Amino acid sequence: MGTQIEELIGQWTEAAVSYATIEPIQDPDGMVAVISGLAGPWAFGETKEAALKELESVLRDWAAIKLADGDDDIPPMKGKR
């Protein structure tokens, strides 16, 4: 993927992560991070910070796959599309 696309994905991901909610779970113990309105991407981590870091990685991959497949249903986040 081109550098410009990767940069846009990075900006979109950063905006998307700001909407994340993090909830504790018990089996296994840890935290799960999700973004309301995005079906599919979620992340687990032993701490809030780890869950957010993993969510950022998941979102980058999710957006890249959607673009590679020609999907145009990636919702804007803070004006980033």
PDB file of N, CA and C in Angstrom:
ATOM      1  N   MET A   1       0.849  -1.171   0.000  1.00  0.00           N
ATOM      2  CA  MET A   1       0.000   0.000   0.000  1.00  0.00           C
ATOM      3  C   MET A   1       0.893   1.232   0.000  1.00  0.00           C
ATOM      4  N   GLY A   2       0.498   2.274  -0.703  1.00  0.00           N
ATOM      5  CA  GLY A   2       1.305   3.479  -0.809  1.00  0.00           C
ATOM      6  C   GLY A   2       1.430   4.232   0.499  1.00  0.00           C
ATOM      7  N   THR A   3       2.487   5.005   0.591  1.00  0.00           N
ATOM      8  CA  THR A   3       2.767   5.763   1.815  1.00  0.00           C
ATOM      9  C   THR A   3       1.631   6.722   2.157  1.00  0.00           C
ATOM     10  N   GLN A   4       1.054   7.376   1.153  1.00  0.00           N
ATOM     11  CA  GLN A   4      -0.032   8.315   1.407  1.00  0.00           C
ATOM     12  C   GLN A   4      -1.243   7.593   2.010  1.00  0.00           C
ATOM     13  N   ILE A   5      -1.564   6.431   1.488  1.00  0.00           N
ATOM     14  CA  ILE A   5      -2.685   5.645   2.025  1.00  0.00           C
ATOM     15  C   ILE A   5      -2.373   5.219   3.455  1.00  0.00           C
ATOM     16  N   GLU A   6      -1.149   4.755   3.692  1.00  0.00           N
ATOM     17  CA  GLU A   6      -0.760   4.343   5.043  1.00  0.00           C
ATOM     18  C   GLU A   6      -0.868   5.510   6.013  1.00  0.00           C
ATOM     19  N   GLU A   7      -0.493   6.701   5.568  1.00  0.00           N
ATOM     20  CA  GLU A   7      -0.595   7.895   6.424  1.00  0.00           C
ATOM     21  C   GLU A   7      -2.050   8.207   6.734  1.00  0.00           C
ATOM     22  N   LEU A   8      -2.912   8.114   5.726  1.00  0.00           N
ATOM     23  CA  LEU A   8      -4.342   8.358   5.949  1.00  0.00           C
ATOM     24  C   LEU A   8      -4.940   7.323   6.894  1.00  0.00           C
ATOM     25  N   ILE A   9      -4.555   6.060   6.726  1.00  0.00           N
ATOM     26  CA  ILE A   9      -5.026   5.012   7.636  1.00  0.00           C
ATOM     27  C   ILE A   9      -4.561   5.323   9.055  1.00  0.00           C
ATOM     28  N   GLY A  10      -3.328   5.763   9.208  1.00  0.00           N
ATOM     29  CA  GLY A  10      -2.811   6.118  10.523  1.00  0.00           C
ATOM     30  C   GLY A  10      -3.600   7.252  11.166  1.00  0.00           C
ATOM     31  N   GLN A  11      -3.922   8.271  10.382  1.00  0.00           N
ATOM     32  CA  GLN A  11      -4.718   9.398  10.903  1.00  0.00           C
ATOM     33  C   GLN A  11      -6.122   8.941  11.277  1.00  0.00           C
ATOM     34  N   TRP A  12      -6.718   8.116  10.415  1.00  0.00           N
ATOM     35  CA  TRP A  12      -8.059   7.610  10.708  1.00  0.00           C
ATOM     36  C   TRP A  12      -8.030   6.751  11.973  1.00  0.00           C
ATOM     37  N   THR A  13      -7.011   5.895  12.089  1.00  0.00           N
ATOM     38  CA  THR A  13      -6.891   5.012  13.254  1.00  0.00           C
ATOM     39  C   THR A  13      -6.757   5.821  14.531  1.00  0.00           C
ATOM     40  N   GLU A  14      -5.917   6.835  14.506  1.00  0.00           N
ATOM     41  CA  GLU A  14      -5.727   7.680  15.685  1.00  0.00           C
ATOM     42  C   GLU A  14      -7.044   8.328  16.096  1.00  0.00           C
ATOM     43  N   ALA A  15      -7.800   8.815  15.120  1.00  0.00           N
ATOM     44  CA  ALA A  15      -9.103   9.407  15.416  1.00  0.00           C
ATOM     45  C   ALA A  15     -10.067   8.357  15.956  1.00  0.00           C
ATOM     46  N   ALA A  16     -10.077   7.175  15.344  1.00  0.00           N
ATOM     47  CA  ALA A  16     -10.996   6.116  15.762  1.00  0.00           C
ATOM     48  C   ALA A  16     -10.727   5.664  17.192  1.00  0.00           C
ATOM     49  N   VAL A  17      -9.462   5.516  17.551  1.00  0.00           N
ATOM     50  CA  VAL A  17      -9.106   5.054  18.904  1.00  0.00           C
ATOM     51  C   VAL A  17      -9.624   6.027  19.965  1.00  0.00           C
ATOM     52  N   SER A  18      -9.735   7.293  19.617  1.00  0.00           N
ATOM     53  CA  SER A  18     -10.231   8.267  20.596  1.00  0.00           C
ATOM     54  C   SER A  18     -11.685   8.002  20.979  1.00  0.00           C
ATOM     55  N   TYR A  19     -12.400   7.219  20.188  1.00  0.00           N
ATOM     56  CA  TYR A  19     -13.787   6.855  20.482  1.00  0.00           C
ATOM     57  C   TYR A  19     -13.920   5.523  21.231  1.00  0.00           C
ATOM     58  N   ALA A  20     -12.816   4.905  21.528  1.00  0.00           N
ATOM     59  CA  ALA A  20     -12.849   3.569  22.137  1.00  0.00           C
ATOM     60  C   ALA A  20     -13.422   3.600  23.547  1.00  0.00           C
ATOM     61  N   THR A  21     -14.144   2.538  23.852  1.00  0.00           N
ATOM     62  CA  THR A  21     -14.546   2.281  25.232  1.00  0.00           C
ATOM     63  C   THR A  21     -13.816   1.019  25.674  1.00  0.00           C
ATOM     64  N   ILE A  22     -13.443   1.010  26.938  1.00  0.00           N
ATOM     65  CA  ILE A  22     -12.668  -0.105  27.480  1.00  0.00           C
ATOM     66  C   ILE A  22     -13.413  -0.638  28.682  1.00  0.00           C
ATOM     67  N   GLU A  23     -13.637  -1.939  28.658  1.00  0.00           N
ATOM     68  CA  GLU A  23     -14.386  -2.595  29.728  1.00  0.00           C
ATOM     69  C   GLU A  23     -13.575  -3.757  30.278  1.00  0.00           C
ATOM     70  N   PRO A  24     -13.652  -3.964  31.586  1.00  0.00           N
ATOM     71  CA  PRO A  24     -12.981  -5.146  32.148  1.00  0.00           C
ATOM     72  C   PRO A  24     -13.756  -6.409  31.813  1.00  0.00           C
ATOM     73  N   ILE A  25     -13.036  -7.493  31.617  1.00  0.00           N
ATOM     74  CA  ILE A  25     -13.654  -8.802  31.441  1.00  0.00           C
ATOM     75  C   ILE A  25     -12.995  -9.756  32.436  1.00  0.00           C
ATOM     76  N   GLN A  26     -13.645 -10.893  32.685  1.00  0.00           N
ATOM     77  CA  GLN A  26     -13.145 -11.780  33.732  1.00  0.00           C
ATOM     78  C   GLN A  26     -12.629 -13.119  33.227  1.00  0.00           C
ATOM     79  N   ASP A  27     -12.908 -13.497  32.002  1.00  0.00           N
ATOM     80  CA  ASP A  27     -12.443 -14.806  31.534  1.00  0.00           C
ATOM     81  C   ASP A  27     -11.924 -14.703  30.117  1.00  0.00           C
ATOM     82  N   PRO A  28     -10.675 -14.424  29.894  1.00  0.00           N
ATOM     83  CA  PRO A  28      -9.606 -14.251  30.877  1.00  0.00           C
ATOM     84  C   PRO A  28      -9.651 -12.841  31.460  1.00  0.00           C
ATOM     85  N   ASP A  29      -9.004 -12.669  32.600  1.00  0.00           N
ATOM     86  CA  ASP A  29      -8.938 -11.348  33.222  1.00  0.00           C
ATOM     87  C   ASP A  29      -8.212 -10.386  32.298  1.00  0.00           C
ATOM     88  N   GLY A  30      -8.756  -9.217  32.154  1.00  0.00           N
ATOM     89  CA  GLY A  30      -8.134  -8.206  31.315  1.00  0.00           C
ATOM     90  C   GLY A  30      -9.142  -7.160  30.911  1.00  0.00           C
ATOM     91  N   MET A  31      -8.841  -6.514  29.803  1.00  0.00           N
ATOM     92  CA  MET A  31      -9.677  -5.427  29.314  1.00  0.00           C
ATOM     93  C   MET A  31      -9.973  -5.659  27.830  1.00  0.00           C
ATOM     94  N   VAL A  32     -11.169  -5.260  27.413  1.00  0.00           N
ATOM     95  CA  VAL A  32     -11.530  -5.332  26.004  1.00  0.00           C
ATOM     96  C   VAL A  32     -11.848  -3.907  25.544  1.00  0.00           C
ATOM     97  N   ALA A  33     -11.316  -3.556  24.377  1.00  0.00           N
ATOM     98  CA  ALA A  33     -11.530  -2.226  23.803  1.00  0.00           C
ATOM     99  C   ALA A  33     -12.351  -2.378  22.527  1.00  0.00           C
ATOM    100  N   VAL A  34     -13.395  -1.567  22.405  1.00  0.00           N
ATOM    101  CA  VAL A  34     -14.273  -1.588  21.232  1.00  0.00           C
ATOM    102  C   VAL A  34     -14.619  -0.156  20.848  1.00  0.00           C
ATOM    103  N   ILE A  35     -15.135  -0.005  19.643  1.00  0.00           N
ATOM    104  CA  ILE A  35     -15.629   1.289  19.187  1.00  0.00           C
ATOM    105  C   ILE A  35     -17.071   1.079  18.744  1.00  0.00           C
ATOM    106  N   SER A  36     -17.971   1.753  19.409  1.00  0.00           N
ATOM    107  CA  SER A  36     -19.386   1.643  19.082  1.00  0.00           C
ATOM    108  C   SER A  36     -19.600   2.035  17.625  1.00  0.00           C
ATOM    109  N   GLY A  37     -20.363   1.219  16.914  1.00  0.00           N
ATOM    110  CA  GLY A  37     -20.666   1.502  15.528  1.00  0.00           C
ATOM    111  C   GLY A  37     -19.752   0.801  14.534  1.00  0.00           C
ATOM    112  N   LEU A  38     -18.654   0.224  15.004  1.00  0.00           N
ATOM    113  CA  LEU A  38     -17.774  -0.538  14.119  1.00  0.00           C
ATOM    114  C   LEU A  38     -17.988  -2.016  14.397  1.00  0.00           C
ATOM    115  N   ALA A  39     -18.590  -2.695  13.463  1.00  0.00           N
ATOM    116  CA  ALA A  39     -18.824  -4.126  13.624  1.00  0.00           C
ATOM    117  C   ALA A  39     -17.552  -4.879  13.251  1.00  0.00           C
ATOM    118  N   GLY A  40     -17.025  -5.607  14.176  1.00  0.00           N
ATOM    119  CA  GLY A  40     -15.849  -6.432  13.893  1.00  0.00           C
ATOM    120  C   GLY A  40     -14.640  -6.110  14.722  1.00  0.00           C
ATOM    121  N   PRO A  41     -14.048  -4.941  14.564  1.00  0.00           N
ATOM    122  CA  PRO A  41     -12.785  -4.694  15.269  1.00  0.00           C
ATOM    123  C   PRO A  41     -12.964  -4.530  16.779  1.00  0.00           C
ATOM    124  N   TRP A  42     -12.185  -5.287  17.512  1.00  0.00           N
ATOM    125  CA  TRP A  42     -12.114  -5.171  18.961  1.00  0.00           C
ATOM    126  C   TRP A  42     -10.749  -5.695  19.363  1.00  0.00           C
ATOM    127  N   ALA A  43     -10.354  -5.422  20.611  1.00  0.00           N
ATOM    128  CA  ALA A  43      -9.025  -5.864  21.047  1.00  0.00           C
ATOM    129  C   ALA A  43      -9.029  -6.180  22.528  1.00  0.00           C
ATOM    130  N   PHE A  44      -8.160  -7.115  22.904  1.00  0.00           N
ATOM    131  CA  PHE A  44      -7.995  -7.530  24.286  1.00  0.00           C
ATOM    132  C   PHE A  44      -6.597  -7.142  24.758  1.00  0.00           C
ATOM    133  N   GLY A  45      -6.493  -6.794  26.021  1.00  0.00           N
ATOM    134  CA  GLY A  45      -5.193  -6.548  26.636  1.00  0.00           C
ATOM    135  C   GLY A  45      -5.291  -6.771  28.133  1.00  0.00           C
ATOM    136  N   GLU A  46      -4.160  -7.029  28.755  1.00  0.00           N
ATOM    137  CA  GLU A  46      -4.169  -7.236  30.204  1.00  0.00           C
ATOM    138  C   GLU A  46      -4.413  -5.940  30.956  1.00  0.00           C
ATOM    139  N   THR A  47      -4.107  -4.798  30.315  1.00  0.00           N
ATOM    140  CA  THR A  47      -4.336  -3.480  30.902  1.00  0.00           C
ATOM    141  C   THR A  47      -5.094  -2.618  29.890  1.00  0.00           C
ATOM    142  N   LYS A  48      -5.596  -1.459  30.344  1.00  0.00           N
ATOM    143  CA  LYS A  48      -6.260  -0.536  29.419  1.00  0.00           C
ATOM    144  C   LYS A  48      -5.311  -0.107  28.310  1.00  0.00           C
ATOM    145  N   GLU A  49      -4.081   0.204  28.701  1.00  0.00           N
ATOM    146  CA  GLU A  49      -3.094   0.665  27.725  1.00  0.00           C
ATOM    147  C   GLU A  49      -2.803  -0.413  26.680  1.00  0.00           C
ATOM    148  N   ALA A  50      -2.676  -1.656  27.138  1.00  0.00           N
ATOM    149  CA  ALA A  50      -2.401  -2.760  26.219  1.00  0.00           C
ATOM    150  C   ALA A  50      -3.584  -2.990  25.278  1.00  0.00           C
ATOM    151  N   ALA A  51      -4.798  -2.878  25.790  1.00  0.00           N
ATOM    152  CA  ALA A  51      -5.989  -3.057  24.956  1.00  0.00           C
ATOM    153  C   ALA A  51      -6.075  -1.961  23.894  1.00  0.00           C
ATOM    154  N   LEU A  52      -5.771  -0.723  24.263  1.00  0.00           N
ATOM    155  CA  LEU A  52      -5.802   0.372  23.291  1.00  0.00           C
ATOM    156  C   LEU A  52      -4.717   0.219  22.232  1.00  0.00           C
ATOM    157  N   LYS A  53      -3.542  -0.196  22.644  1.00  0.00           N
ATOM    158  CA  LYS A  53      -2.454  -0.400  21.689  1.00  0.00           C
ATOM    159  C   LYS A  53      -2.821  -1.504  20.695  1.00  0.00           C
ATOM    160  N   GLU A  54      -3.397  -2.579  21.200  1.00  0.00           N
ATOM    161  CA  GLU A  54      -3.822  -3.676  20.328  1.00  0.00           C
ATOM    162  C   GLU A  54      -4.959  -3.227  19.413  1.00  0.00           C
ATOM    163  N   LEU A  55      -5.886  -2.422  19.948  1.00  0.00           N
ATOM    164  CA  LEU A  55      -6.992  -1.925  19.127  1.00  0.00           C
ATOM    165  C   LEU A  55      -6.460  -1.081  17.976  1.00  0.00           C
ATOM    166  N   GLU A  56      -5.452  -0.272  18.232  1.00  0.00           N
ATOM    167  CA  GLU A  56      -4.862   0.537  17.169  1.00  0.00           C
ATOM    168  C   GLU A  56      -4.330  -0.360  16.048  1.00  0.00           C
ATOM    169  N   SER A  57      -3.651  -1.417  16.407  1.00  0.00           N
ATOM    170  CA  SER A  57      -3.119  -2.356  15.413  1.00  0.00           C
ATOM    171  C   SER A  57      -4.254  -3.033  14.643  1.00  0.00           C
ATOM    172  N   VAL A  58      -5.274  -3.469  15.363  1.00  0.00           N
ATOM    173  CA  VAL A  58      -6.427  -4.130  14.736  1.00  0.00           C
ATOM    174  C   VAL A  58      -7.112  -3.179  13.754  1.00  0.00           C
ATOM    175  N   LEU A  59      -7.294  -1.925  14.152  1.00  0.00           N
ATOM    176  CA  LEU A  59      -7.973  -0.960  13.289  1.00  0.00           C
ATOM    177  C   LEU A  59      -7.177  -0.666  12.022  1.00  0.00           C
ATOM    178  N   ARG A  60      -5.856  -0.558  12.160  1.00  0.00           N
ATOM    179  CA  ARG A  60      -5.011  -0.332  10.975  1.00  0.00           C
ATOM    180  C   ARG A  60      -5.194  -1.482   9.978  1.00  0.00           C
ATOM    181  N   ASP A  61      -5.116  -2.706  10.485  1.00  0.00           N
ATOM    182  CA  ASP A  61      -5.270  -3.869   9.617  1.00  0.00           C
ATOM    183  C   ASP A  61      -6.674  -3.941   9.025  1.00  0.00           C
ATOM    184  N   TRP A  62      -7.675  -3.677   9.841  1.00  0.00           N
ATOM    185  CA  TRP A  62      -9.071  -3.723   9.402  1.00  0.00           C
ATOM    186  C   TRP A  62      -9.305  -2.737   8.271  1.00  0.00           C
ATOM    187  N   ALA A  63      -8.843  -1.494   8.450  1.00  0.00           N
ATOM    188  CA  ALA A  63      -9.029  -0.469   7.419  1.00  0.00           C
ATOM    189  C   ALA A  63      -8.266  -0.831   6.145  1.00  0.00           C
ATOM    190  N   ALA A  64      -7.039  -1.328   6.287  1.00  0.00           N
ATOM    191  CA  ALA A  64      -6.235  -1.706   5.120  1.00  0.00           C
ATOM    192  C   ALA A  64      -6.909  -2.827   4.331  1.00  0.00           C
ATOM    193  N   ILE A  65      -7.453  -3.797   5.025  1.00  0.00           N
ATOM    194  CA  ILE A  65      -8.142  -4.905   4.360  1.00  0.00           C
ATOM    195  C   ILE A  65      -9.404  -4.406   3.658  1.00  0.00           C
ATOM    196  N   LYS A  66     -10.164  -3.562   4.328  1.00  0.00           N
ATOM    197  CA  LYS A  66     -11.380  -3.012   3.718  1.00  0.00           C
ATOM    198  C   LYS A  66     -11.032  -2.265   2.430  1.00  0.00           C
ATOM    199  N   LEU A  67      -9.980  -1.435   2.475  1.00  0.00           N
ATOM    200  CA  LEU A  67      -9.583  -0.684   1.286  1.00  0.00           C
ATOM    201  C   LEU A  67      -9.099  -1.609   0.177  1.00  0.00           C
ATOM    202  N   ALA A  68      -8.305  -2.603   0.543  1.00  0.00           N
ATOM    203  CA  ALA A  68      -7.786  -3.548  -0.455  1.00  0.00           C
ATOM    204  C   ALA A  68      -8.925  -4.317  -1.135  1.00  0.00           C
ATOM    205  N   ASP A  69      -9.996  -4.564  -0.394  1.00  0.00           N
ATOM    206  CA  ASP A  69     -11.155  -5.277  -0.942  1.00  0.00           C
ATOM    207  C   ASP A  69     -12.108  -4.356  -1.705  1.00  0.00           C
ATOM    208  N   GLY A  70     -11.809  -3.054  -1.712  1.00  0.00           N
ATOM    209  CA  GLY A  70     -12.666  -2.100  -2.408  1.00  0.00           C
ATOM    210  C   GLY A  70     -13.897  -1.699  -1.624  1.00  0.00           C
ATOM    211  N   ASP A  71     -13.949  -2.039  -0.342  1.00  0.00           N
ATOM    212  CA  ASP A  71     -15.089  -1.646   0.490  1.00  0.00           C
ATOM    213  C   ASP A  71     -15.023  -0.142   0.740  1.00  0.00           C
ATOM    214  N   ASP A  72     -16.163   0.504   0.675  1.00  0.00           N
ATOM    215  CA  ASP A  72     -16.189   1.942   0.919  1.00  0.00           C
ATOM    216  C   ASP A  72     -17.051   2.300   2.133  1.00  0.00           C
ATOM    217  N   ASP A  73     -17.231   1.336   3.022  1.00  0.00           N
ATOM    218  CA  ASP A  73     -18.091   1.559   4.180  1.00  0.00           C
ATOM    219  C   ASP A  73     -17.303   1.805   5.466  1.00  0.00           C
ATOM    220  N   ILE A  74     -16.101   2.352   5.346  1.00  0.00           N
ATOM    221  CA  ILE A  74     -15.323   2.721   6.529  1.00  0.00           C
ATOM    222  C   ILE A  74     -15.875   4.060   7.014  1.00  0.00           C
ATOM    223  N   PRO A  75     -16.424   4.100   8.217  1.00  0.00           N
ATOM    224  CA  PRO A  75     -17.049   5.350   8.672  1.00  0.00           C
ATOM    225  C   PRO A  75     -16.001   6.419   8.977  1.00  0.00           C
ATOM    226  N   PRO A  76     -16.347   7.682   8.723  1.00  0.00           N
ATOM    227  CA  PRO A  76     -15.428   8.757   9.058  1.00  0.00           C
ATOM    228  C   PRO A  76     -15.259   8.862  10.577  1.00  0.00           C
ATOM    229  N   MET A  77     -14.071   9.249  10.988  1.00  0.00           N
ATOM    230  CA  MET A  77     -13.773   9.468  12.401  1.00  0.00           C
ATOM    231  C   MET A  77     -13.122  10.836  12.534  1.00  0.00           C
ATOM    232  N   LYS A  78     -13.801  11.740  13.232  1.00  0.00           N
ATOM    233  CA  LYS A  78     -13.314  13.103  13.408  1.00  0.00           C
ATOM    234  C   LYS A  78     -12.946  13.737  12.060  1.00  0.00           C
ATOM    235  N   GLY A  79     -13.789  13.509  11.066  1.00  0.00           N
ATOM    236  CA  GLY A  79     -13.568  14.089   9.751  1.00  0.00           C
ATOM    237  C   GLY A  79     -12.572  13.330   8.885  1.00  0.00           C
ATOM    238  N   LYS A  80     -11.952  12.277   9.409  1.00  0.00           N
ATOM    239  CA  LYS A  80     -10.993  11.488   8.631  1.00  0.00           C
ATOM    240  C   LYS A  80     -11.731  10.370   7.936  1.00  0.00           C
ATOM    241  N   ARG A  81     -11.529  10.258   6.638  1.00  0.00           N
ATOM    242  CA  ARG A  81     -12.202   9.232   5.839  1.00  0.00           C
ATOM    243  C   ARG A  81     -11.207   8.556   4.937  1.00  0.00           C
TER     244      ARG A  81
END
